[in-house]
């Protein structure tokens, strides 16, 4: 299993970014996928889930209405579109696979998002 995130960077407050996660080594279309983030000095925070087909999504209250999770099963890629970014959204963003027990059983290496003027 390999998950490789990209798309992070420095953005001003109010700006947008789109994160991508390229998946390989497993049948991507069979799994729920998630985004999880970790701000400096803080614990892991679940951000969003998407079901295997892409038709059902869930979001943390902190990002609801600003972030959109999506997937392209033909490209084995997970996305996170982030709008109206706030300084408190700054974190290392991880792509994670949901396991059969609803745990996160595989993780990417993360992509850094910095929100600052």
PDB file of N, CA and C in Angstrom:
ATOM      1  N   UNK A   1       0.844  -1.189   0.000  1.00  0.00           N
ATOM      2  CA  UNK A   1       0.000   0.000   0.000  1.00  0.00           C
ATOM      3  C   UNK A   1       0.882   1.242   0.000  1.00  0.00           C
ATOM      4  N   UNK A   2       0.617   2.157  -0.903  1.00  0.00           N
ATOM      5  CA  UNK A   2       1.352   3.420  -0.919  1.00  0.00           C
ATOM      6  C   UNK A   2       0.380   4.570  -1.137  1.00  0.00           C
ATOM      7  N   UNK A   3       0.527   5.591  -0.311  1.00  0.00           N
ATOM      8  CA  UNK A   3      -0.275   6.801  -0.414  1.00  0.00           C
ATOM      9  C   UNK A   3       0.685   7.979  -0.455  1.00  0.00           C
ATOM     10  N   UNK A   4       0.597   8.788  -1.499  1.00  0.00           N
ATOM     11  CA  UNK A   4       1.532   9.896  -1.677  1.00  0.00           C
ATOM     12  C   UNK A   4       0.752  11.190  -1.858  1.00  0.00           C
ATOM     13  N   UNK A   5       0.856  12.067  -0.865  1.00  0.00           N
ATOM     14  CA  UNK A   5       0.154  13.340  -0.905  1.00  0.00           C
ATOM     15  C   UNK A   5       0.976  14.399  -1.641  1.00  0.00           C
ATOM     16  N   UNK A   6       0.289  15.362  -2.194  1.00  0.00           N
ATOM     17  CA  UNK A   6       0.933  16.507  -2.823  1.00  0.00           C
ATOM     18  C   UNK A   6      -0.036  17.676  -2.819  1.00  0.00           C
ATOM     19  N   UNK A   7       0.484  18.852  -3.155  1.00  0.00           N
ATOM     20  CA  UNK A   7      -0.375  20.009  -3.301  1.00  0.00           C
ATOM     21  C   UNK A   7      -0.336  21.001  -2.160  1.00  0.00           C
ATOM     22  N   UNK A   8       0.373  20.671  -1.098  1.00  0.00           N
ATOM     23  CA  UNK A   8       0.476  21.612   0.002  1.00  0.00           C
ATOM     24  C   UNK A   8       1.339  22.805  -0.367  1.00  0.00           C
ATOM     25  N   UNK A   9       1.350  23.791   0.520  1.00  0.00           N
ATOM     26  CA  UNK A   9       2.150  24.968   0.274  1.00  0.00           C
ATOM     27  C   UNK A   9       1.753  26.107   1.177  1.00  0.00           C
ATOM     28  N   UNK A  10       2.261  27.285   0.847  1.00  0.00           N
ATOM     29  CA  UNK A  10       1.959  28.497   1.596  1.00  0.00           C
ATOM     30  C   UNK A  10       0.835  29.254   0.898  1.00  0.00           C
ATOM     31  N   UNK A  11      -0.174  29.620   1.653  1.00  0.00           N
ATOM     32  CA  UNK A  11      -1.309  30.356   1.092  1.00  0.00           C
ATOM     33  C   UNK A  11      -1.730  31.426   2.092  1.00  0.00           C
ATOM     34  N   UNK A  12      -2.232  32.525   1.578  1.00  0.00           N
ATOM     35  CA  UNK A  12      -2.715  33.590   2.450  1.00  0.00           C
ATOM     36  C   UNK A  12      -4.081  33.239   3.039  1.00  0.00           C
ATOM     37  N   UNK A  13      -4.406  33.779   4.184  1.00  0.00           N
ATOM     38  CA  UNK A  13      -5.763  33.584   4.719  1.00  0.00           C
ATOM     39  C   UNK A  13      -6.815  33.966   3.690  1.00  0.00           C
ATOM     40  N   UNK A  14      -7.826  33.123   3.586  1.00  0.00           N
ATOM     41  CA  UNK A  14      -8.853  33.332   2.578  1.00  0.00           C
ATOM     42  C   UNK A  14      -8.574  32.647   1.257  1.00  0.00           C
ATOM     43  N   UNK A  15      -7.376  32.139   1.106  1.00  0.00           N
ATOM     44  CA  UNK A  15      -6.998  31.499  -0.137  1.00  0.00           C
ATOM     45  C   UNK A  15      -7.456  30.053  -0.232  1.00  0.00           C
ATOM     46  N   UNK A  16      -7.043  29.403  -1.319  1.00  0.00           N
ATOM     47  CA  UNK A  16      -7.465  28.028  -1.602  1.00  0.00           C
ATOM     48  C   UNK A  16      -6.272  27.166  -1.981  1.00  0.00           C
ATOM     49  N   UNK A  17      -6.415  25.897  -1.727  1.00  0.00           N
ATOM     50  CA  UNK A  17      -5.453  24.881  -2.162  1.00  0.00           C
ATOM     51  C   UNK A  17      -6.221  23.617  -2.485  1.00  0.00           C
ATOM     52  N   UNK A  18      -5.648  22.808  -3.355  1.00  0.00           N
ATOM     53  CA  UNK A  18      -6.196  21.473  -3.582  1.00  0.00           C
ATOM     54  C   UNK A  18      -5.098  20.454  -3.322  1.00  0.00           C
ATOM     55  N   UNK A  19      -5.360  19.583  -2.372  1.00  0.00           N
ATOM     56  CA  UNK A  19      -4.447  18.489  -2.068  1.00  0.00           C
ATOM     57  C   UNK A  19      -4.830  17.264  -2.883  1.00  0.00           C
ATOM     58  N   UNK A  20      -3.826  16.487  -3.238  1.00  0.00           N
ATOM     59  CA  UNK A  20      -4.043  15.224  -3.938  1.00  0.00           C
ATOM     60  C   UNK A  20      -3.347  14.104  -3.187  1.00  0.00           C
ATOM     61  N   UNK A  21      -3.869  12.908  -3.345  1.00  0.00           N
ATOM     62  CA  UNK A  21      -3.259  11.712  -2.752  1.00  0.00           C
ATOM     63  C   UNK A  21      -3.316  10.603  -3.788  1.00  0.00           C
ATOM     64  N   UNK A  22      -2.166  10.225  -4.282  1.00  0.00           N
ATOM     65  CA  UNK A  22      -2.076   9.147  -5.256  1.00  0.00           C
ATOM     66  C   UNK A  22      -1.929   7.826  -4.535  1.00  0.00           C
ATOM     67  N   UNK A  23      -2.830   6.899  -4.821  1.00  0.00           N
ATOM     68  CA  UNK A  23      -2.853   5.608  -4.139  1.00  0.00           C
ATOM     69  C   UNK A  23      -2.373   4.507  -5.068  1.00  0.00           C
ATOM     70  N   UNK A  24      -1.686   3.526  -4.502  1.00  0.00           N
ATOM     71  CA  UNK A  24      -1.238   2.377  -5.273  1.00  0.00           C
ATOM     72  C   UNK A  24      -1.050   1.184  -4.353  1.00  0.00           C
ATOM     73  N   UNK A  25      -1.033   0.009  -4.956  1.00  0.00           N
ATOM     74  CA  UNK A  25      -0.771  -1.197  -4.183  1.00  0.00           C
ATOM     75  C   UNK A  25      -2.003  -1.860  -3.584  1.00  0.00           C
ATOM     76  N   UNK A  26      -3.166  -1.312  -3.867  1.00  0.00           N
ATOM     77  CA  UNK A  26      -4.410  -1.907  -3.384  1.00  0.00           C
ATOM     78  C   UNK A  26      -5.542  -1.440  -4.296  1.00  0.00           C
ATOM     79  N   UNK A  27      -6.706  -2.064  -4.102  1.00  0.00           N
ATOM     80  CA  UNK A  27      -7.867  -1.718  -4.927  1.00  0.00           C
ATOM     81  C   UNK A  27      -8.519  -0.478  -4.343  1.00  0.00           C
ATOM     82  N   UNK A  28      -8.081   0.669  -4.833  1.00  0.00           N
ATOM     83  CA  UNK A  28      -8.479   1.966  -4.281  1.00  0.00           C
ATOM     84  C   UNK A  28      -9.995   2.112  -4.225  1.00  0.00           C
ATOM     85  N   UNK A  29     -10.673   1.657  -5.241  1.00  0.00           N
ATOM     86  CA  UNK A  29     -12.111   1.861  -5.357  1.00  0.00           C
ATOM     87  C   UNK A  29     -12.912   1.050  -4.350  1.00  0.00           C
ATOM     88  N   UNK A  30     -12.251   0.195  -3.587  1.00  0.00           N
ATOM     89  CA  UNK A  30     -12.951  -0.643  -2.608  1.00  0.00           C
ATOM     90  C   UNK A  30     -12.930  -0.065  -1.201  1.00  0.00           C
ATOM     91  N   UNK A  31     -12.237   1.032  -1.022  1.00  0.00           N
ATOM     92  CA  UNK A  31     -12.007   1.539   0.329  1.00  0.00           C
ATOM     93  C   UNK A  31     -12.553   2.949   0.541  1.00  0.00           C
ATOM     94  N   UNK A  32     -13.089   3.149   1.766  1.00  0.00           N
ATOM     95  CA  UNK A  32     -13.283   4.500   2.252  1.00  0.00           C
ATOM     96  C   UNK A  32     -11.897   5.130   2.420  1.00  0.00           C
ATOM     97  N   UNK A  33     -11.842   6.432   2.186  1.00  0.00           N
ATOM     98  CA  UNK A  33     -10.595   7.166   2.362  1.00  0.00           C
ATOM     99  C   UNK A  33     -10.842   8.412   3.194  1.00  0.00           C
ATOM    100  N   UNK A  34      -9.782   8.908   3.804  1.00  0.00           N
ATOM    101  CA  UNK A  34      -9.922  10.032   4.729  1.00  0.00           C
ATOM    102  C   UNK A  34      -8.767  11.010   4.568  1.00  0.00           C
ATOM    103  N   UNK A  35      -9.010  12.211   5.039  1.00  0.00           N
ATOM    104  CA  UNK A  35      -7.954  13.193   5.277  1.00  0.00           C
ATOM    105  C   UNK A  35      -7.894  13.455   6.789  1.00  0.00           C
ATOM    106  N   UNK A  36      -6.687  13.480   7.299  1.00  0.00           N
ATOM    107  CA  UNK A  36      -6.429  13.730   8.716  1.00  0.00           C
ATOM    108  C   UNK A  36      -5.306  14.762   8.780  1.00  0.00           C
ATOM    109  N   UNK A  37      -5.372  15.663   9.740  1.00  0.00           N
ATOM    110  CA  UNK A  37      -4.337  16.683   9.827  1.00  0.00           C
ATOM    111  C   UNK A  37      -3.749  16.765  11.235  1.00  0.00           C
ATOM    112  N   UNK A  38      -2.560  17.327  11.284  1.00  0.00           N
ATOM    113  CA  UNK A  38      -1.895  17.530  12.573  1.00  0.00           C
ATOM    114  C   UNK A  38      -1.221  18.888  12.571  1.00  0.00           C
ATOM    115  N   UNK A  39      -1.720  19.772  13.398  1.00  0.00           N
ATOM    116  CA  UNK A  39      -1.125  21.089  13.540  1.00  0.00           C
ATOM    117  C   UNK A  39       0.097  21.003  14.449  1.00  0.00           C
ATOM    118  N   UNK A  40       1.008  21.938  14.336  1.00  0.00           N
ATOM    119  CA  UNK A  40       2.210  21.909  15.176  1.00  0.00           C
ATOM    120  C   UNK A  40       1.856  21.850  16.656  1.00  0.00           C
ATOM    121  N   UNK A  41       2.422  20.882  17.356  1.00  0.00           N
ATOM    122  CA  UNK A  41       2.212  20.773  18.793  1.00  0.00           C
ATOM    123  C   UNK A  41       0.871  20.217  19.205  1.00  0.00           C
ATOM    124  N   UNK A  42       0.076  19.761  18.234  1.00  0.00           N
ATOM    125  CA  UNK A  42      -1.258  19.243  18.550  1.00  0.00           C
ATOM    126  C   UNK A  42      -1.397  17.800  18.074  1.00  0.00           C
ATOM    127  N   UNK A  43      -2.493  17.170  18.489  1.00  0.00           N
ATOM    128  CA  UNK A  43      -2.747  15.796  18.087  1.00  0.00           C
ATOM    129  C   UNK A  43      -3.364  15.705  16.707  1.00  0.00           C
ATOM    130  N   UNK A  44      -3.608  14.481  16.286  1.00  0.00           N
ATOM    131  CA  UNK A  44      -4.234  14.250  15.005  1.00  0.00           C
ATOM    132  C   UNK A  44      -5.700  14.682  15.043  1.00  0.00           C
ATOM    133  N   UNK A  45      -6.139  15.294  13.961  1.00  0.00           N
ATOM    134  CA  UNK A  45      -7.530  15.719  13.834  1.00  0.00           C
ATOM    135  C   UNK A  45      -8.102  15.149  12.542  1.00  0.00           C
ATOM    136  N   UNK A  46      -9.131  14.349  12.653  1.00  0.00           N
ATOM    137  CA  UNK A  46      -9.825  13.874  11.458  1.00  0.00           C
ATOM    138  C   UNK A  46     -10.478  15.062  10.760  1.00  0.00           C
ATOM    139  N   UNK A  47     -10.372  15.100   9.433  1.00  0.00           N
ATOM    140  CA  UNK A  47     -10.904  16.198   8.642  1.00  0.00           C
ATOM    141  C   UNK A  47     -12.120  15.777   7.826  1.00  0.00           C
ATOM    142  N   UNK A  48     -11.988  14.657   7.107  1.00  0.00           N
ATOM    143  CA  UNK A  48     -13.056  14.280   6.189  1.00  0.00           C
ATOM    144  C   UNK A  48     -12.926  12.835   5.770  1.00  0.00           C
ATOM    145  N   UNK A  49     -14.075  12.229   5.440  1.00  0.00           N
ATOM    146  CA  UNK A  49     -14.149  10.884   4.879  1.00  0.00           C
ATOM    147  C   UNK A  49     -14.919  10.914   3.571  1.00  0.00           C
ATOM    148  N   UNK A  50     -14.641   9.925   2.742  1.00  0.00           N
ATOM    149  CA  UNK A  50     -15.433   9.698   1.549  1.00  0.00           C
ATOM    150  C   UNK A  50     -15.600   8.196   1.357  1.00  0.00           C
ATOM    151  N   UNK A  51     -16.790   7.768   0.935  1.00  0.00           N
ATOM    152  CA  UNK A  51     -17.000   6.331   0.766  1.00  0.00           C
ATOM    153  C   UNK A  51     -16.333   5.847  -0.520  1.00  0.00           C
ATOM    154  N   UNK A  52     -16.380   4.554  -0.712  1.00  0.00           N
ATOM    155  CA  UNK A  52     -15.612   3.970  -1.803  1.00  0.00           C
ATOM    156  C   UNK A  52     -16.045   4.475  -3.177  1.00  0.00           C
ATOM    157  N   UNK A  53     -17.335   4.716  -3.349  1.00  0.00           N
ATOM    158  CA  UNK A  53     -17.836   5.177  -4.632  1.00  0.00           C
ATOM    159  C   UNK A  53     -17.791   6.682  -4.825  1.00  0.00           C
ATOM    160  N   UNK A  54     -17.566   7.398  -3.736  1.00  0.00           N
ATOM    161  CA  UNK A  54     -17.477   8.849  -3.814  1.00  0.00           C
ATOM    162  C   UNK A  54     -18.790   9.580  -3.613  1.00  0.00           C
ATOM    163  N   UNK A  55     -19.860   8.839  -3.373  1.00  0.00           N
ATOM    164  CA  UNK A  55     -21.162   9.481  -3.267  1.00  0.00           C
ATOM    165  C   UNK A  55     -21.549   9.936  -1.882  1.00  0.00           C
ATOM    166  N   UNK A  56     -20.756   9.586  -0.877  1.00  0.00           N
ATOM    167  CA  UNK A  56     -21.070   9.953   0.496  1.00  0.00           C
ATOM    168  C   UNK A  56     -19.830  10.537   1.159  1.00  0.00           C
ATOM    169  N   UNK A  57     -19.994  11.693   1.785  1.00  0.00           N
ATOM    170  CA  UNK A  57     -18.864  12.376   2.415  1.00  0.00           C
ATOM    171  C   UNK A  57     -19.249  12.858   3.816  1.00  0.00           C
ATOM    172  N   UNK A  58     -18.239  13.018   4.647  1.00  0.00           N
ATOM    173  CA  UNK A  58     -18.432  13.573   5.984  1.00  0.00           C
ATOM    174  C   UNK A  58     -17.277  14.516   6.288  1.00  0.00           C
ATOM    175  N   UNK A  59     -17.597  15.526   7.101  1.00  0.00           N
ATOM    176  CA  UNK A  59     -16.593  16.538   7.413  1.00  0.00           C
ATOM    177  C   UNK A  59     -16.601  16.875   8.905  1.00  0.00           C
ATOM    178  N   UNK A  60     -15.449  17.236   9.393  1.00  0.00           N
ATOM    179  CA  UNK A  60     -15.370  17.810  10.728  1.00  0.00           C
ATOM    180  C   UNK A  60     -16.066  19.169  10.715  1.00  0.00           C
ATOM    181  N   UNK A  61     -16.649  19.530  11.841  1.00  0.00           N
ATOM    182  CA  UNK A  61     -17.350  20.815  11.910  1.00  0.00           C
ATOM    183  C   UNK A  61     -16.427  21.988  11.583  1.00  0.00           C
ATOM    184  N   UNK A  62     -15.163  21.828  11.919  1.00  0.00           N
ATOM    185  CA  UNK A  62     -14.206  22.912  11.729  1.00  0.00           C
ATOM    186  C   UNK A  62     -13.951  23.244  10.262  1.00  0.00           C
ATOM    187  N   UNK A  63     -14.284  22.320   9.348  1.00  0.00           N
ATOM    188  CA  UNK A  63     -14.003  22.552   7.930  1.00  0.00           C
ATOM    189  C   UNK A  63     -15.256  22.496   7.067  1.00  0.00           C
ATOM    190  N   UNK A  64     -16.373  22.136   7.665  1.00  0.00           N
ATOM    191  CA  UNK A  64     -17.613  21.976   6.903  1.00  0.00           C
ATOM    192  C   UNK A  64     -17.980  23.274   6.198  1.00  0.00           C
ATOM    193  N   UNK A  65     -18.316  23.143   4.931  1.00  0.00           N
ATOM    194  CA  UNK A  65     -18.675  24.300   4.130  1.00  0.00           C
ATOM    195  C   UNK A  65     -17.500  24.978   3.454  1.00  0.00           C
ATOM    196  N   UNK A  66     -16.280  24.624   3.856  1.00  0.00           N
ATOM    197  CA  UNK A  66     -15.081  25.223   3.259  1.00  0.00           C
ATOM    198  C   UNK A  66     -14.252  24.202   2.497  1.00  0.00           C
ATOM    199  N   UNK A  67     -14.244  22.966   2.949  1.00  0.00           N
ATOM    200  CA  UNK A  67     -13.442  21.903   2.330  1.00  0.00           C
ATOM    201  C   UNK A  67     -14.367  20.943   1.589  1.00  0.00           C
ATOM    202  N   UNK A  68     -13.845  20.382   0.509  1.00  0.00           N
ATOM    203  CA  UNK A  68     -14.577  19.375  -0.255  1.00  0.00           C
ATOM    204  C   UNK A  68     -13.661  18.204  -0.562  1.00  0.00           C
ATOM    205  N   UNK A  69     -14.069  17.030  -0.119  1.00  0.00           N
ATOM    206  CA  UNK A  69     -13.328  15.806  -0.423  1.00  0.00           C
ATOM    207  C   UNK A  69     -13.927  15.177  -1.671  1.00  0.00           C
ATOM    208  N   UNK A  70     -13.083  14.612  -2.494  1.00  0.00           N
ATOM    209  CA  UNK A  70     -13.558  13.924  -3.690  1.00  0.00           C
ATOM    210  C   UNK A  70     -12.536  12.867  -4.079  1.00  0.00           C
ATOM    211  N   UNK A  71     -12.897  12.034  -5.020  1.00  0.00           N
ATOM    212  CA  UNK A  71     -12.001  10.989  -5.482  1.00  0.00           C
ATOM    213  C   UNK A  71     -12.256  10.685  -6.936  1.00  0.00           C
ATOM    214  N   UNK A  72     -11.214  10.205  -7.599  1.00  0.00           N
ATOM    215  CA  UNK A  72     -11.310   9.727  -8.972  1.00  0.00           C
ATOM    216  C   UNK A  72     -10.801   8.285  -8.960  1.00  0.00           C
ATOM    217  N   UNK A  73     -11.715   7.347  -8.940  1.00  0.00           N
ATOM    218  CA  UNK A  73     -11.311   5.945  -8.838  1.00  0.00           C
ATOM    219  C   UNK A  73     -10.594   5.462 -10.097  1.00  0.00           C
ATOM    220  N   UNK A  74     -10.850   6.077 -11.213  1.00  0.00           N
ATOM    221  CA  UNK A  74     -10.149   5.704 -12.449  1.00  0.00           C
ATOM    222  C   UNK A  74      -8.674   6.100 -12.377  1.00  0.00           C
ATOM    223  N   UNK A  75      -8.391   7.146 -11.604  1.00  0.00           N
ATOM    224  CA  UNK A  75      -7.007   7.624 -11.460  1.00  0.00           C
ATOM    225  C   UNK A  75      -6.394   7.227 -10.123  1.00  0.00           C
ATOM    226  N   UNK A  76      -7.149   6.489  -9.303  1.00  0.00           N
ATOM    227  CA  UNK A  76      -6.653   6.090  -7.972  1.00  0.00           C
ATOM    228  C   UNK A  76      -6.159   7.292  -7.173  1.00  0.00           C
ATOM    229  N   UNK A  77      -6.949   8.339  -7.184  1.00  0.00           N
ATOM    230  CA  UNK A  77      -6.528   9.582  -6.551  1.00  0.00           C
ATOM    231  C   UNK A  77      -7.638  10.158  -5.686  1.00  0.00           C
ATOM    232  N   UNK A  78      -7.235  10.601  -4.506  1.00  0.00           N
ATOM    233  CA  UNK A  78      -8.100  11.273  -3.550  1.00  0.00           C
ATOM    234  C   UNK A  78      -7.750  12.755  -3.544  1.00  0.00           C
ATOM    235  N   UNK A  79      -8.745  13.604  -3.363  1.00  0.00           N
ATOM    236  CA  UNK A  79      -8.520  15.051  -3.365  1.00  0.00           C
ATOM    237  C   UNK A  79      -9.121  15.701  -2.127  1.00  0.00           C
ATOM    238  N   UNK A  80      -8.599  16.868  -1.804  1.00  0.00           N
ATOM    239  CA  UNK A  80      -9.207  17.728  -0.799  1.00  0.00           C
ATOM    240  C   UNK A  80      -9.088  19.158  -1.299  1.00  0.00           C
ATOM    241  N   UNK A  81     -10.218  19.750  -1.672  1.00  0.00           N
ATOM    242  CA  UNK A  81     -10.227  21.156  -2.070  1.00  0.00           C
ATOM    243  C   UNK A  81     -10.526  21.988  -0.847  1.00  0.00           C
ATOM    244  N   UNK A  82      -9.638  22.909  -0.558  1.00  0.00           N
ATOM    245  CA  UNK A  82      -9.743  23.722   0.642  1.00  0.00           C
ATOM    246  C   UNK A  82      -9.910  25.179   0.246  1.00  0.00           C
ATOM    247  N   UNK A  83     -11.030  25.746   0.621  1.00  0.00           N
ATOM    248  CA  UNK A  83     -11.327  27.159   0.345  1.00  0.00           C
ATOM    249  C   UNK A  83     -11.394  27.939   1.648  1.00  0.00           C
ATOM    250  N   UNK A  84     -11.334  29.255   1.512  1.00  0.00           N
ATOM    251  CA  UNK A  84     -11.454  30.142   2.681  1.00  0.00           C
ATOM    252  C   UNK A  84     -10.543  29.700   3.821  1.00  0.00           C
ATOM    253  N   UNK A  85      -9.311  29.445   3.490  1.00  0.00           N
ATOM    254  CA  UNK A  85      -8.372  28.911   4.483  1.00  0.00           C
ATOM    255  C   UNK A  85      -8.109  29.912   5.594  1.00  0.00           C
ATOM    256  N   UNK A  86      -7.973  29.376   6.790  1.00  0.00           N
ATOM    257  CA  UNK A  86      -7.727  30.160   7.992  1.00  0.00           C
ATOM    258  C   UNK A  86      -6.372  29.771   8.573  1.00  0.00           C
ATOM    259  N   UNK A  87      -5.777  30.649   9.365  1.00  0.00           N
ATOM    260  CA  UNK A  87      -4.493  30.274   9.987  1.00  0.00           C
ATOM    261  C   UNK A  87      -4.581  28.974  10.784  1.00  0.00           C
ATOM    262  N   UNK A  88      -5.725  28.716  11.371  1.00  0.00           N
ATOM    263  CA  UNK A  88      -5.880  27.488  12.162  1.00  0.00           C
ATOM    264  C   UNK A  88      -5.985  26.232  11.303  1.00  0.00           C
ATOM    265  N   UNK A  89      -6.065  26.378   9.992  1.00  0.00           N
ATOM    266  CA  UNK A  89      -6.029  25.219   9.099  1.00  0.00           C
ATOM    267  C   UNK A  89      -4.600  24.767   8.801  1.00  0.00           C
ATOM    268  N   UNK A  90      -3.631  25.543   9.201  1.00  0.00           N
ATOM    269  CA  UNK A  90      -2.232  25.171   8.958  1.00  0.00           C
ATOM    270  C   UNK A  90      -1.900  23.873   9.688  1.00  0.00           C
ATOM    271  N   UNK A  91      -1.374  22.934   8.945  1.00  0.00           N
ATOM    272  CA  UNK A  91      -1.097  21.599   9.511  1.00  0.00           C
ATOM    273  C   UNK A  91      -0.415  20.744   8.473  1.00  0.00           C
ATOM    274  N   UNK A  92       0.030  19.602   8.927  1.00  0.00           N
ATOM    275  CA  UNK A  92       0.480  18.535   8.031  1.00  0.00           C
ATOM    276  C   UNK A  92      -0.752  17.691   7.713  1.00  0.00           C
ATOM    277  N   UNK A  93      -1.079  17.598   6.449  1.00  0.00           N
ATOM    278  CA  UNK A  93      -2.284  16.894   6.024  1.00  0.00           C
ATOM    279  C   UNK A  93      -1.916  15.510   5.500  1.00  0.00           C
ATOM    280  N   UNK A  94      -2.574  14.518   6.076  1.00  0.00           N
ATOM    281  CA  UNK A  94      -2.340  13.125   5.704  1.00  0.00           C
ATOM    282  C   UNK A  94      -3.547  12.545   4.984  1.00  0.00           C
ATOM    283  N   UNK A  95      -3.252  11.756   4.010  1.00  0.00           N
ATOM    284  CA  UNK A  95      -4.236  10.888   3.369  1.00  0.00           C
ATOM    285  C   UNK A  95      -4.172   9.545   4.108  1.00  0.00           C
ATOM    286  N   UNK A  96      -5.330   8.964   4.408  1.00  0.00           N
ATOM    287  CA  UNK A  96      -5.341   7.701   5.143  1.00  0.00           C
ATOM    288  C   UNK A  96      -6.429   6.789   4.599  1.00  0.00           C
ATOM    289  N   UNK A  97      -6.154   5.506   4.656  1.00  0.00           N
ATOM    290  CA  UNK A  97      -7.135   4.521   4.236  1.00  0.00           C
ATOM    291  C   UNK A  97      -7.892   4.017   5.453  1.00  0.00           C
ATOM    292  N   UNK A  98      -9.203   3.900   5.315  1.00  0.00           N
ATOM    293  CA  UNK A  98     -10.016   3.330   6.388  1.00  0.00           C
ATOM    294  C   UNK A  98      -9.966   1.812   6.295  1.00  0.00           C
ATOM    295  N   UNK A  99      -9.652   1.182   7.429  1.00  0.00           N
ATOM    296  CA  UNK A  99      -9.610  -0.265   7.485  1.00  0.00           C
ATOM    297  C   UNK A  99     -10.970  -0.869   7.800  1.00  0.00           C
ATOM    298  N   UNK A 100     -11.011  -2.176   7.893  1.00  0.00           N
ATOM    299  CA  UNK A 100     -12.268  -2.885   8.109  1.00  0.00           C
ATOM    300  C   UNK A 100     -12.875  -2.601   9.475  1.00  0.00           C
ATOM    301  N   UNK A 101     -12.066  -2.183  10.435  1.00  0.00           N
ATOM    302  CA  UNK A 101     -12.572  -1.852  11.762  1.00  0.00           C
ATOM    303  C   UNK A 101     -12.716  -0.346  11.943  1.00  0.00           C
ATOM    304  N   UNK A 102     -12.750   0.368  10.862  1.00  0.00           N
ATOM    305  CA  UNK A 102     -12.914   1.825  10.832  1.00  0.00           C
ATOM    306  C   UNK A 102     -11.708   2.525  11.435  1.00  0.00           C
ATOM    307  N   UNK A 103     -10.600   1.825  11.495  1.00  0.00           N
ATOM    308  CA  UNK A 103      -9.358   2.461  11.895  1.00  0.00           C
ATOM    309  C   UNK A 103      -8.699   3.034  10.637  1.00  0.00           C
ATOM    310  N   UNK A 104      -7.606   3.730  10.833  1.00  0.00           N
ATOM    311  CA  UNK A 104      -6.791   4.193   9.713  1.00  0.00           C
ATOM    312  C   UNK A 104      -5.647   3.198   9.570  1.00  0.00           C
ATOM    313  N   UNK A 105      -5.697   2.352   8.541  1.00  0.00           N
ATOM    314  CA  UNK A 105      -4.720   1.274   8.475  1.00  0.00           C
ATOM    315  C   UNK A 105      -3.535   1.555   7.559  1.00  0.00           C
ATOM    316  N   UNK A 106      -3.575   2.637   6.835  1.00  0.00           N
ATOM    317  CA  UNK A 106      -2.435   3.034   6.011  1.00  0.00           C
ATOM    318  C   UNK A 106      -2.421   4.555   5.906  1.00  0.00           C
ATOM    319  N   UNK A 107      -1.218   5.112   5.904  1.00  0.00           N
ATOM    320  CA  UNK A 107      -1.050   6.564   5.904  1.00  0.00           C
ATOM    321  C   UNK A 107      -0.041   6.964   4.837  1.00  0.00           C
ATOM    322  N   UNK A 108      -0.224   8.169   4.317  1.00  0.00           N
ATOM    323  CA  UNK A 108       0.802   8.765   3.493  1.00  0.00           C
ATOM    324  C   UNK A 108       1.826   9.474   4.362  1.00  0.00           C
ATOM    325  N   UNK A 109       2.747  10.160   3.712  1.00  0.00           N
ATOM    326  CA  UNK A 109       3.802  10.842   4.441  1.00  0.00           C
ATOM    327  C   UNK A 109       3.396  12.267   4.851  1.00  0.00           C
ATOM    328  N   UNK A 110       2.318  12.757   4.275  1.00  0.00           N
ATOM    329  CA  UNK A 110       1.794  14.070   4.608  1.00  0.00           C
ATOM    330  C   UNK A 110       2.278  15.164   3.675  1.00  0.00           C
ATOM    331  N   UNK A 111       1.479  16.215   3.571  1.00  0.00           N
ATOM    332  CA  UNK A 111       1.850  17.398   2.815  1.00  0.00           C
ATOM    333  C   UNK A 111       1.533  18.619   3.682  1.00  0.00           C
ATOM    334  N   UNK A 112       2.469  19.548   3.730  1.00  0.00           N
ATOM    335  CA  UNK A 112       2.374  20.670   4.649  1.00  0.00           C
ATOM    336  C   UNK A 112       1.541  21.800   4.061  1.00  0.00           C
ATOM    337  N   UNK A 113       0.618  22.289   4.851  1.00  0.00           N
ATOM    338  CA  UNK A 113      -0.171  23.463   4.480  1.00  0.00           C
ATOM    339  C   UNK A 113       0.123  24.569   5.491  1.00  0.00           C
ATOM    340  N   UNK A 114       0.549  25.702   4.986  1.00  0.00           N
ATOM    341  CA  UNK A 114       0.828  26.867   5.824  1.00  0.00           C
ATOM    342  C   UNK A 114      -0.093  27.997   5.396  1.00  0.00           C
ATOM    343  N   UNK A 115      -0.779  28.579   6.344  1.00  0.00           N
ATOM    344  CA  UNK A 115      -1.705  29.677   6.054  1.00  0.00           C
ATOM    345  C   UNK A 115      -1.218  30.915   6.813  1.00  0.00           C
ATOM    346  N   UNK A 116      -0.702  31.845   6.058  1.00  0.00           N
ATOM    347  CA  UNK A 116      -0.098  33.015   6.684  1.00  0.00           C
ATOM    348  C   UNK A 116      -0.034  34.168   5.694  1.00  0.00           C
ATOM    349  N   UNK A 117      -0.161  35.363   6.211  1.00  0.00           N
ATOM    350  CA  UNK A 117      -0.009  36.548   5.358  1.00  0.00           C
ATOM    351  C   UNK A 117       1.437  37.049   5.397  1.00  0.00           C
TER     352      UNK A 117
END
